[in-house]
Amino acid sequence: MPVNPTLVSPHELQLLQALANGRQPPVTSSHRMRLELLGLVRDGPSGLQLTAEGQRRAQEKPTVAVVPEKPAPSPETDTTPRDARGRRKRGRHTSRI
């Protein structure tokens, strides 16, 4: 049964490549569980071991993530002074006529 390839983050790809090179990188429990559920690793008494699919994915090159640029703030934004929590500072009310 063919399985659609799931996106693996660049960090997870580095973990797979380290495992393929024989190193045991520190892996959080959430990454360990995710990689195991994807069928890329097998967790046993000797630590993480790559599966055949994990070996194949470890040979992939990391994809370059495109970071979207932040839009410039519009001149209509509220310029009211705010405190560290984002609340309006006291005494800065405007009168509504």
Protein backbone atom coordinates (compact mmCIF):
# COMPACT_ATOMS: atom_id res chain seq x y z
CA MET A 1 0.00 0.00 0.00
CA PRO A 2 1.71 3.28 -1.08
CA VAL A 3 2.04 5.90 1.61
CA ASN A 4 2.12 9.62 0.87
CA PRO A 5 5.45 11.06 1.99
CA THR A 6 5.07 13.18 5.09
CA LEU A 7 7.01 16.38 5.42
CA VAL A 8 9.92 16.08 7.80
CA SER A 9 11.33 19.27 9.29
CA PRO A 10 14.98 20.18 8.68
CA HIS A 11 15.71 19.47 12.36
CA GLU A 12 14.18 16.01 12.13
CA LEU A 13 16.14 15.39 8.95
CA GLN A 14 19.35 16.27 10.82
CA LEU A 15 18.38 13.79 13.54
CA LEU A 16 17.87 11.06 10.92
CA GLN A 17 21.20 11.88 9.28
CA ALA A 18 22.99 11.72 12.64
CA LEU A 19 21.42 8.32 13.32
CA ALA A 20 22.47 7.14 9.86
CA ASN A 21 26.07 8.15 10.66
CA GLY A 22 26.05 6.06 13.85
CA ARG A 23 25.67 8.90 16.36
CA GLN A 24 23.00 8.99 19.07
CA PRO A 25 21.77 12.61 19.12
CA PRO A 26 19.60 13.86 21.98
CA VAL A 27 16.00 13.37 20.83
CA THR A 28 13.00 14.70 22.72
CA SER A 29 10.20 12.30 23.49
CA SER A 30 7.83 14.10 21.11
CA HIS A 31 10.30 13.80 18.22
CA ARG A 32 10.97 10.19 19.16
CA MET A 33 7.25 9.41 19.07
CA ARG A 34 6.67 11.32 15.81
CA LEU A 35 9.55 9.61 14.02
CA GLU A 36 8.41 6.23 15.29
CA LEU A 37 4.81 6.80 14.19
CA LEU A 38 6.04 7.87 10.74
CA GLY A 39 7.90 4.57 10.51
CA LEU A 40 11.32 6.21 10.23
CA VAL A 41 12.87 4.83 13.45
CA ARG A 42 12.39 1.91 15.79
CA ASP A 43 12.94 2.48 19.51
CA GLY A 44 14.43 -0.43 21.40
CA PRO A 45 16.73 -1.24 24.30
CA SER A 46 19.77 -0.24 22.23
CA GLY A 47 18.27 3.18 21.42
CA LEU A 48 16.87 4.54 18.21
CA GLN A 49 17.49 2.58 15.03
CA LEU A 50 16.60 3.69 11.53
CA THR A 51 14.19 1.64 9.47
CA ALA A 52 14.64 1.18 5.71
CA GLU A 53 12.37 4.17 5.11
CA GLY A 54 14.37 6.18 7.66
CA GLN A 55 17.61 5.34 5.84
CA ARG A 56 16.08 6.50 2.57
CA ARG A 57 14.83 9.76 4.09
CA ALA A 58 18.18 10.40 5.82
CA GLN A 59 19.84 10.58 2.40
CA GLU A 60 17.54 13.41 1.28
CA LYS A 61 18.83 16.93 1.12
CA PRO A 62 17.06 19.45 3.36
CA THR A 63 14.60 21.67 1.58
CA VAL A 64 15.08 25.40 1.89
CA ALA A 65 12.23 26.87 3.86
CA VAL A 66 10.85 30.10 2.45
CA VAL A 67 10.20 32.58 5.22
CA PRO A 68 7.40 34.98 4.33
CA GLU A 69 8.33 38.62 4.75
CA LYS A 70 6.51 40.65 7.36
CA PRO A 71 4.21 43.20 5.81
CA ALA A 72 5.08 46.81 6.56
CA PRO A 73 2.83 48.29 9.24
CA SER A 74 0.09 50.39 7.75
CA PRO A 75 -0.03 54.06 8.76
CA GLU A 76 -3.55 53.52 10.11
CA THR A 77 -2.33 51.31 12.96
CA ASP A 78 -3.00 52.35 16.52
CA THR A 79 0.03 54.17 17.96
CA THR A 80 -1.30 54.31 21.50
CA PRO A 81 1.47 53.69 24.05
CA ARG A 82 1.14 50.24 25.59
CA ASP A 83 2.70 48.42 28.53
CA ALA A 84 4.63 45.13 28.35
CA ARG A 85 1.42 43.10 28.20
CA GLY A 86 -0.01 45.12 25.34
CA ARG A 87 -2.55 47.03 27.42
CA ARG A 88 -3.07 50.75 26.95
CA LYS A 89 -1.24 52.88 29.47
CA ARG A 90 -3.27 54.85 31.99
CA GLY A 91 -4.39 58.37 31.23
CA ARG A 92 -4.05 58.02 27.48
CA HIS A 93 -7.76 58.15 26.62
CA THR A 94 -8.86 60.29 23.73
CA SER A 95 -12.02 62.33 23.87
CA ARG A 96 -14.79 61.38 21.51
CA ILE A 97 -16.75 64.31 20.25
